[in-house]
Amino acid sequence: MKNNVASGKAGSTETPVKSDGIPAHELPTSRPQGALEPVAFFDDAMPTGVTVSHTGRIFVNFPKWGDDVKFTVAEIRDGQTIAYPNQEINETDEQDQASTLVSVQSVVVDPADRLWILDTGSPLFKPTEFGGPKLICINLDTNKLIKKILFPQTVALPTTYLNDIRFDLRRGNEGFAFITDSSQKGSNGIIAVDLATGESWRRLNDHVSTKAEDIQTFLPLVEGRPFLEHKPDGTIQQCANMGADGIAISSDGSRIFYCPLGSRSLFSVETDALTNRDFSEEEVAETVHHHGDRGGASDGLESDSEGNIYSTNYEHNAILRLNYYNKVWETIVYDTRLLWPDTLSLATDGYLYVTANQLHRQARYNRGKDLRMKPYTLFRTRVNAQPVLLR
């Protein structure tokens, strides 16, 4: 072992010491696992979602959580973020929220290689209004909007926070989408959307599997510290108090996997139960399966064509994979640069993409002091797997 020599005479066999008298040694540290490759850097607003088209185009989004967001959806071109599909739609019209983007939480390329934009309609987590929460489809060949689905306020409630989305294009006439509602202050659940008719409905509304656990049963540790928010009135609140967040679809489309942000558990529900309007809430709930503890809490899920499930792990700067064959979690990546891994996107090039946005270092979680250090980063790691393309 090589020592950091701070003092001592030449030729001395004594252990070198620092000025404070403590022996100087190179101390062991944790080792990274897996190969994490930076793809893009962000020096302005913090990103959440990422998705990659079948031809390799990369799209990201920036929700309006307090940063100066110049555009809420962007394409990465030659290392630069460019407003997408154009700057005009990214300029919010408060008088007609349905006509423009408000605050986008997620972007996802579907099995037909179209880009879907999931607009929360909830900047700063404010109550939603009709026309704000919506789902927009962009034709990537023409970069034009080809479909817009607005959610009624019985589906996207005033408290709703639309979080992430997955697709099965084999169902119905044009396919179905499945969206998590991760609301902090209201009901949580999963929203099913018929892409042909635009109809949507809520499922597992406030079911225990879609709710965050309370501070008595779940205390996440991020960078070695309890992830708690200290309120001005002296009360302490669980920060990871959002419900159903990450979502993935099984390789055969039979089940939807999901996880609350404030939980280490993974759940799944039968897709048929979500899409069948004749099922009662009790009948849907009967198809829910608890897949156990993931070894850490997650903000994003993904799946591959072999049946494996991937999960970010914001407590341990890691990405894990639930092996389809032995049902055991294994580490794909562990790296201290992976500060709050948020969204996962498996691309057709065999890489798994992930955003690291330092969400936990925001001022609201650190007694008013913003501890984030730019740039935020988009990484990827090769997993030699293919995305689930149900079409």
Protein backbone atom coordinates (compact mmCIF):
# COMPACT_ATOMS: atom_id res chain seq x y z
CA MET A 1 0.00 0.00 0.00
CA LYS A 2 1.25 3.49 -0.85
CA ASN A 3 1.18 6.01 1.98
CA ASN A 4 0.47 9.71 1.76
CA VAL A 5 3.73 10.98 3.28
CA ALA A 6 3.03 14.10 5.33
CA SER A 7 6.08 14.08 7.60
CA GLY A 8 9.03 11.91 8.68
CA LYS A 9 12.74 11.82 7.94
CA ALA A 10 14.21 10.37 4.76
CA GLY A 11 14.95 6.68 5.16
CA SER A 12 12.86 6.43 8.32
CA THR A 13 10.98 3.20 8.91
CA GLU A 14 8.43 4.92 11.11
CA THR A 15 4.80 5.21 9.90
CA PRO A 16 4.32 8.64 8.33
CA VAL A 17 1.91 10.86 10.25
CA LYS A 18 -0.16 13.91 9.40
CA SER A 19 0.23 17.15 11.35
CA ASP A 20 -2.52 16.11 13.77
CA GLY A 21 -0.60 13.00 14.74
CA ILE A 22 -2.93 10.53 13.02
CA PRO A 23 -1.18 7.85 10.92
CA ALA A 24 -1.58 8.53 7.18
CA HIS A 25 -3.00 5.65 5.16
CA GLU A 26 -4.95 5.11 1.99
CA LEU A 27 -8.19 3.88 3.45
CA PRO A 28 -10.46 1.40 1.66
CA THR A 29 -13.60 2.71 0.00
CA SER A 30 -16.58 1.07 -1.66
CA ARG A 31 -16.02 -0.18 -5.17
CA PRO A 32 -18.29 0.74 -8.08
CA GLN A 33 -20.00 -2.11 -9.91
CA GLY A 34 -20.96 -2.16 -13.56
CA ALA A 35 -19.97 0.29 -16.27
CA LEU A 36 -21.74 3.64 -16.11
CA GLU A 37 -21.22 5.85 -19.17
CA PRO A 38 -22.19 9.55 -19.21
CA VAL A 39 -24.33 10.44 -22.23
CA ALA A 40 -25.39 14.05 -21.61
CA PHE A 41 -25.02 16.79 -19.03
CA PHE A 42 -27.58 19.39 -17.92
CA ASP A 43 -26.49 22.74 -16.51
CA ASP A 44 -29.91 24.35 -16.14
CA ALA A 45 -33.13 22.68 -14.94
CA MET A 46 -33.08 19.20 -13.45
CA PRO A 47 -34.44 16.38 -15.67
CA THR A 48 -36.63 13.47 -14.66
CA GLY A 49 -37.67 11.37 -17.67
CA VAL A 50 -35.67 9.93 -20.54
CA THR A 51 -36.59 7.79 -23.52
CA VAL A 52 -34.80 6.59 -26.65
CA SER A 53 -36.41 6.01 -30.04
CA HIS A 54 -35.82 2.87 -32.08
CA THR A 55 -33.43 4.86 -34.27
CA GLY A 56 -31.44 6.22 -31.34
CA ARG A 57 -32.95 9.68 -30.80
CA ILE A 58 -32.90 10.70 -27.13
CA PHE A 59 -35.63 12.73 -25.45
CA VAL A 60 -35.75 14.15 -21.92
CA ASN A 61 -38.11 16.30 -19.89
CA PHE A 62 -37.88 18.91 -17.17
CA PRO A 63 -40.83 19.29 -14.75
CA LYS A 64 -41.48 22.71 -13.26
CA TRP A 65 -40.49 22.19 -9.65
CA GLY A 66 -38.90 25.59 -9.08
CA ASP A 67 -36.00 25.69 -11.56
CA ASP A 68 -36.04 28.07 -14.51
CA VAL A 69 -37.51 25.68 -17.09
CA LYS A 70 -37.15 27.14 -20.58
CA PHE A 71 -38.82 24.09 -22.15
CA THR A 72 -40.34 21.11 -20.44
CA VAL A 73 -39.57 18.58 -23.23
CA ALA A 74 -36.35 18.40 -25.23
CA GLU A 75 -34.40 16.29 -27.68
CA ILE A 76 -30.67 15.82 -27.17
CA ARG A 77 -28.84 16.68 -30.37
CA ASP A 78 -25.05 16.79 -30.52
CA GLY A 79 -24.92 17.08 -26.75
CA GLN A 80 -27.36 20.01 -26.64
CA THR A 81 -30.95 20.04 -25.36
CA ILE A 82 -33.34 21.47 -27.95
CA ALA A 83 -37.01 22.27 -27.25
CA TYR A 84 -39.22 19.49 -28.66
CA PRO A 85 -41.26 19.26 -30.79
CA ASN A 86 -40.89 23.05 -30.85
CA GLN A 87 -40.55 26.01 -28.52
CA GLU A 88 -44.11 27.21 -29.09
CA ILE A 89 -45.82 24.19 -27.54
CA ASN A 90 -43.44 24.49 -24.58
CA GLU A 91 -44.74 28.01 -23.84
CA THR A 92 -47.62 27.41 -21.43
CA ASP A 93 -50.88 29.17 -22.20
CA GLU A 94 -52.51 29.53 -18.77
CA GLN A 95 -55.83 30.45 -20.39
CA ASP A 96 -55.81 27.31 -22.55
CA GLN A 97 -53.66 24.67 -20.90
CA ALA A 98 -54.90 22.00 -23.29
CA SER A 99 -53.16 23.73 -26.21
CA THR A 100 -49.64 23.74 -24.74
CA LEU A 101 -47.40 21.82 -22.37
CA VAL A 102 -47.58 22.77 -18.71
CA SER A 103 -45.15 20.60 -16.70
CA VAL A 104 -44.03 17.26 -18.11
CA GLN A 105 -42.95 14.44 -15.81
CA SER A 106 -42.38 11.65 -18.31
CA VAL A 107 -41.62 10.96 -21.99
CA VAL A 108 -41.86 7.44 -23.40
CA VAL A 109 -41.36 5.99 -26.89
CA ASP A 110 -44.00 3.33 -27.53
CA PRO A 111 -43.64 0.00 -29.39
CA ALA A 112 -44.59 1.75 -32.67
CA ASP A 113 -41.71 4.23 -32.25
CA ARG A 114 -43.93 7.21 -31.43
CA LEU A 115 -43.14 9.64 -28.64
CA TRP A 116 -45.74 10.08 -25.88
CA ILE A 117 -45.54 13.09 -23.58
CA LEU A 118 -47.16 12.81 -20.14
CA ASP A 119 -48.09 16.28 -18.92
CA THR A 120 -48.91 16.53 -15.21
CA GLY A 121 -50.57 19.93 -15.59
CA SER A 122 -49.20 20.51 -12.10
CA PRO A 123 -46.25 22.91 -11.85
CA LEU A 124 -44.92 23.05 -8.27
CA PHE A 125 -47.39 20.23 -7.51
CA LYS A 126 -50.30 22.67 -7.66
CA PRO A 127 -53.91 21.46 -8.07
CA THR A 128 -54.69 20.51 -11.64
CA GLU A 129 -57.29 22.03 -13.95
CA PHE A 130 -58.99 20.35 -16.88
CA GLY A 131 -56.76 20.55 -19.95
CA GLY A 132 -53.54 20.51 -17.94
CA PRO A 133 -53.16 16.75 -17.30
CA LYS A 134 -52.92 15.15 -20.73
CA LEU A 135 -51.22 12.62 -22.95
CA ILE A 136 -49.75 13.79 -26.26
CA CYS A 137 -48.42 11.64 -29.10
CA ILE A 138 -45.76 12.87 -31.55
CA ASN A 139 -44.98 11.23 -34.88
CA LEU A 140 -41.17 11.00 -34.89
CA ASP A 141 -41.02 10.89 -38.68
CA THR A 142 -42.71 14.27 -39.03
CA ASN A 143 -42.18 15.69 -35.51
CA LYS A 144 -45.87 16.61 -35.52
CA LEU A 145 -48.54 16.12 -32.87
CA ILE A 146 -50.92 13.37 -33.98
CA LYS A 147 -53.02 12.65 -30.87
CA LYS A 148 -54.01 14.41 -27.68
CA ILE A 149 -55.92 12.81 -24.82
CA LEU A 150 -57.29 15.04 -22.07
CA PHE A 151 -58.18 13.47 -18.74
CA PRO A 152 -61.50 14.31 -17.08
CA GLN A 153 -61.25 15.57 -13.51
CA THR A 154 -62.84 12.35 -12.28
CA VAL A 155 -59.71 10.57 -13.56
CA ALA A 156 -56.98 13.18 -13.20
CA LEU A 157 -58.17 14.56 -9.89
CA PRO A 158 -57.20 18.05 -8.70
CA THR A 159 -54.61 16.30 -6.50
CA THR A 160 -53.36 13.92 -9.22
CA TYR A 161 -49.70 13.84 -10.24
CA LEU A 162 -49.29 11.81 -13.45
CA ASN A 163 -45.91 10.12 -13.14
CA ASP A 164 -44.95 7.45 -15.67
CA ILE A 165 -46.48 5.38 -18.44
CA ARG A 166 -46.23 2.06 -20.31
CA PHE A 167 -47.98 0.67 -23.39
CA ASP A 168 -49.56 -2.46 -24.86
CA LEU A 169 -50.59 -1.68 -28.44
CA ARG A 170 -52.20 -5.10 -28.97
CA ARG A 171 -55.21 -4.31 -26.78
CA GLY A 172 -58.33 -2.71 -28.19
CA ASN A 173 -58.28 -1.03 -31.59
CA GLU A 174 -55.18 1.11 -31.05
CA GLY A 175 -53.73 -0.09 -27.76
CA PHE A 176 -53.80 0.83 -24.10
CA ALA A 177 -51.63 3.01 -21.89
CA PHE A 178 -51.13 2.57 -18.15
CA ILE A 179 -50.18 5.54 -15.96
CA THR A 180 -49.23 5.85 -12.30
CA ASP A 181 -50.74 8.59 -10.12
CA SER A 182 -48.14 9.35 -7.46
CA SER A 183 -50.02 12.19 -5.72
CA GLN A 184 -48.55 13.44 -2.44
CA LYS A 185 -51.77 14.85 -1.03
CA GLY A 186 -54.55 12.82 -2.56
CA SER A 187 -55.58 9.47 -3.97
CA ASN A 188 -53.05 7.20 -5.63
CA GLY A 189 -53.69 4.56 -8.25
CA ILE A 190 -53.21 3.42 -11.83
CA ILE A 191 -54.99 5.00 -14.79
CA ALA A 192 -55.90 2.88 -17.83
CA VAL A 193 -56.29 4.69 -21.15
CA ASP A 194 -57.93 3.38 -24.32
CA LEU A 195 -55.81 5.04 -27.00
CA ALA A 196 -58.46 4.63 -29.70
CA THR A 197 -61.36 6.28 -27.87
CA GLY A 198 -59.41 8.45 -25.43
CA GLU A 199 -61.46 7.04 -22.57
CA SER A 200 -59.66 6.64 -19.26
CA TRP A 201 -60.47 5.30 -15.80
CA ARG A 202 -58.84 4.83 -12.41
CA ARG A 203 -57.93 1.49 -10.87
CA LEU A 204 -56.54 0.47 -7.45
CA ASN A 205 -57.63 3.87 -6.19
CA ASP A 206 -56.03 4.29 -2.74
CA HIS A 207 -55.26 0.57 -2.58
CA VAL A 208 -52.53 -0.13 -0.03
CA SER A 209 -50.16 -1.22 -2.81
CA THR A 210 -50.33 2.20 -4.49
CA LYS A 211 -49.81 4.21 -1.28
CA ALA A 212 -46.57 5.41 0.28
CA GLU A 213 -45.73 3.93 3.66
CA ASP A 214 -45.71 6.29 6.61
CA ILE A 215 -42.70 7.46 8.59
CA GLN A 216 -43.26 4.79 11.24
CA THR A 217 -42.73 1.90 8.82
CA PHE A 218 -40.48 3.37 6.13
CA LEU A 219 -37.46 5.61 6.65
CA PRO A 220 -35.31 5.95 3.52
CA LEU A 221 -31.63 6.77 3.84
CA VAL A 222 -30.08 8.82 1.03
CA GLU A 223 -26.36 9.64 1.10
CA GLY A 224 -26.36 8.20 4.60
CA ARG A 225 -29.01 10.58 5.95
CA PRO A 226 -32.67 10.02 6.79
CA PHE A 227 -34.69 11.54 3.96
CA LEU A 228 -36.91 13.80 6.07
CA GLU A 229 -38.27 17.28 5.60
CA HIS A 230 -38.07 19.67 8.55
CA LYS A 231 -41.04 22.04 8.41
CA PRO A 232 -40.90 25.67 9.64
CA ASP A 233 -43.42 24.78 12.36
CA GLY A 234 -41.00 22.23 13.79
CA THR A 235 -42.75 19.14 12.46
CA ILE A 236 -40.90 16.45 10.54
CA GLN A 237 -42.35 14.91 7.40
CA GLN A 238 -41.49 11.89 5.33
CA CYS A 239 -40.02 13.26 2.07
CA ALA A 240 -40.57 10.16 -0.03
CA ASN A 241 -44.32 10.37 0.56
CA MET A 242 -45.52 9.89 -3.01
CA GLY A 243 -47.49 6.83 -4.03
CA ALA A 244 -47.45 4.69 -7.20
CA ASP A 245 -44.47 5.99 -9.17
CA GLY A 246 -42.33 3.57 -11.18
CA ILE A 247 -44.14 1.34 -13.69
CA ALA A 248 -43.16 -1.51 -16.02
CA ILE A 249 -45.02 -4.04 -18.14
CA SER A 250 -44.23 -7.74 -18.22
CA SER A 251 -42.72 -9.17 -21.38
CA ASP A 252 -45.99 -10.90 -22.31
CA GLY A 253 -48.14 -7.94 -21.29
CA SER A 254 -50.09 -9.94 -18.70
CA ARG A 255 -49.04 -7.87 -15.68
CA ILE A 256 -48.27 -4.27 -14.79
CA PHE A 257 -45.50 -3.82 -12.22
CA TYR A 258 -45.45 -0.70 -10.03
CA CYS A 259 -43.97 0.69 -6.85
CA PRO A 260 -44.72 3.64 -4.57
CA LEU A 261 -41.89 6.13 -4.21
CA GLY A 262 -42.19 5.76 -0.45
CA SER A 263 -41.75 2.00 -0.18
CA ARG A 264 -39.22 -0.74 -0.82
CA SER A 265 -41.92 -3.12 -2.08
CA LEU A 266 -42.66 -4.17 -5.65
CA PHE A 267 -46.21 -5.00 -6.72
CA SER A 268 -47.96 -6.16 -9.88
CA VAL A 269 -51.54 -6.42 -11.07
CA GLU A 270 -53.19 -8.29 -13.94
CA THR A 271 -53.43 -6.12 -17.04
CA ASP A 272 -56.76 -7.72 -17.96
CA ALA A 273 -58.19 -6.52 -14.66
CA LEU A 274 -57.09 -2.94 -15.33
CA THR A 275 -58.64 -2.82 -18.79
CA ASN A 276 -61.92 -4.64 -18.09
CA ARG A 277 -64.50 -1.99 -17.14
CA ASP A 278 -66.80 -4.71 -15.74
CA PHE A 279 -64.31 -5.62 -12.98
CA SER A 280 -65.09 -4.16 -9.57
CA GLU A 281 -62.30 -2.55 -7.53
CA GLU A 282 -62.36 -5.59 -5.26
CA GLU A 283 -61.91 -7.94 -8.22
CA VAL A 284 -58.99 -5.86 -9.53
CA ALA A 285 -57.37 -5.86 -6.08
CA GLU A 286 -57.61 -9.64 -5.92
CA THR A 287 -55.12 -9.85 -8.81
CA VAL A 288 -52.47 -7.75 -7.02
CA HIS A 289 -49.29 -9.61 -6.13
CA HIS A 290 -46.61 -8.46 -3.68
CA HIS A 291 -43.15 -9.36 -5.01
CA GLY A 292 -41.33 -8.53 -1.78
CA ASP A 293 -38.59 -6.13 -0.78
CA ARG A 294 -36.24 -4.70 -3.44
CA GLY A 295 -33.38 -3.92 -1.06
CA GLY A 296 -34.01 -0.20 -1.41
CA ALA A 297 -36.60 2.32 -2.54
CA SER A 298 -37.10 3.22 -6.18
CA ASP A 299 -38.14 6.09 -8.42
CA GLY A 300 -38.20 4.15 -11.70
CA LEU A 301 -38.90 0.71 -13.14
CA GLU A 302 -38.25 -0.92 -16.51
CA SER A 303 -38.57 -4.39 -18.07
CA ASP A 304 -37.03 -6.34 -20.91
CA SER A 305 -38.19 -8.90 -23.46
CA GLU A 306 -36.73 -11.76 -21.41
CA GLY A 307 -39.01 -11.03 -18.45
CA ASN A 308 -36.49 -9.27 -16.19
CA ILE A 309 -37.54 -6.23 -14.13
CA TYR A 310 -35.14 -3.33 -13.50
CA SER A 311 -35.40 -0.93 -10.59
CA THR A 312 -33.52 2.22 -9.67
CA ASN A 313 -32.39 2.35 -6.04
CA TYR A 314 -32.10 5.92 -4.77
CA GLU A 315 -30.98 4.78 -1.33
CA HIS A 316 -27.88 3.02 -2.64
CA ASN A 317 -26.91 4.85 -5.87
CA ALA A 318 -27.72 1.72 -7.81
CA ILE A 319 -29.75 -0.04 -10.47
CA LEU A 320 -30.98 -3.55 -9.65
CA ARG A 321 -32.51 -6.30 -11.76
CA LEU A 322 -35.01 -8.95 -10.72
CA ASN A 323 -33.89 -12.05 -12.57
CA TYR A 324 -36.83 -13.71 -14.30
CA TYR A 325 -35.47 -17.22 -13.83
CA ASN A 326 -34.39 -17.35 -10.19
CA LYS A 327 -36.46 -14.39 -8.88
CA VAL A 328 -33.39 -12.94 -7.16
CA TRP A 329 -32.38 -9.27 -7.22
CA GLU A 330 -28.92 -8.59 -8.63
CA THR A 331 -26.90 -5.38 -8.93
CA ILE A 332 -26.45 -4.04 -12.45
CA VAL A 333 -24.78 -0.77 -11.47
CA TYR A 334 -23.55 0.72 -8.21
CA ASP A 335 -21.80 4.07 -8.53
CA THR A 336 -21.61 7.06 -6.19
CA ARG A 337 -22.17 9.34 -9.21
CA LEU A 338 -25.66 7.89 -9.50
CA LEU A 339 -27.17 10.53 -7.22
CA TRP A 340 -30.90 9.85 -7.16
CA PRO A 341 -31.34 7.61 -10.20
CA ASP A 342 -34.77 8.61 -11.44
CA THR A 343 -36.10 7.22 -14.73
CA LEU A 344 -35.02 4.09 -16.62
CA SER A 345 -35.36 3.54 -20.37
CA LEU A 346 -34.23 0.38 -22.14
CA ALA A 347 -33.35 1.11 -25.77
CA THR A 348 -33.10 -1.14 -28.80
CA ASP A 349 -29.32 -0.60 -28.79
CA GLY A 350 -29.05 -2.82 -25.70
CA TYR A 351 -28.30 0.06 -23.32
CA LEU A 352 -30.27 0.96 -20.23
CA TYR A 353 -30.47 4.75 -19.86
CA VAL A 354 -30.96 6.50 -16.50
CA THR A 355 -31.21 10.10 -15.30
CA ALA A 356 -29.40 11.15 -12.10
CA ASN A 357 -30.89 14.43 -10.91
CA GLN A 358 -29.97 14.85 -7.21
CA LEU A 359 -33.64 15.22 -6.32
CA HIS A 360 -32.89 14.74 -2.62
CA ARG A 361 -30.51 17.71 -2.56
CA GLN A 362 -33.22 20.25 -3.40
CA ALA A 363 -33.65 23.13 -0.96
CA ARG A 364 -37.02 21.90 0.30
CA TYR A 365 -35.34 18.80 1.69
CA ASN A 366 -32.35 20.58 3.22
CA ARG A 367 -33.83 23.36 5.37
CA GLY A 368 -33.94 25.81 2.49
CA LYS A 369 -30.41 25.23 1.20
CA ASP A 370 -30.01 23.94 -2.36
CA LEU A 371 -27.20 21.35 -2.24
CA ARG A 372 -27.42 20.22 -5.87
CA MET A 373 -24.20 20.40 -7.87
CA LYS A 374 -24.49 20.85 -11.62
CA PRO A 375 -24.36 19.30 -14.05
CA TYR A 376 -27.11 16.74 -13.71
CA THR A 377 -26.32 13.66 -15.77
CA LEU A 378 -27.85 11.19 -18.18
CA PHE A 379 -26.03 7.87 -17.97
CA ARG A 380 -26.31 4.53 -19.72
CA THR A 381 -25.09 1.02 -19.03
CA ARG A 382 -25.03 -1.92 -21.42
CA VAL A 383 -27.33 -4.76 -20.37
CA ASN A 384 -27.53 -6.56 -23.76
CA ALA A 385 -31.32 -6.80 -23.53
CA GLN A 386 -34.21 -5.63 -25.66
CA PRO A 387 -37.21 -3.53 -24.61
CA VAL A 388 -40.72 -4.91 -24.35
CA LEU A 389 -42.46 -4.06 -27.65
CA LEU A 390 -46.08 -5.18 -27.49
CA ARG A 391 -47.53 -4.29 -30.88
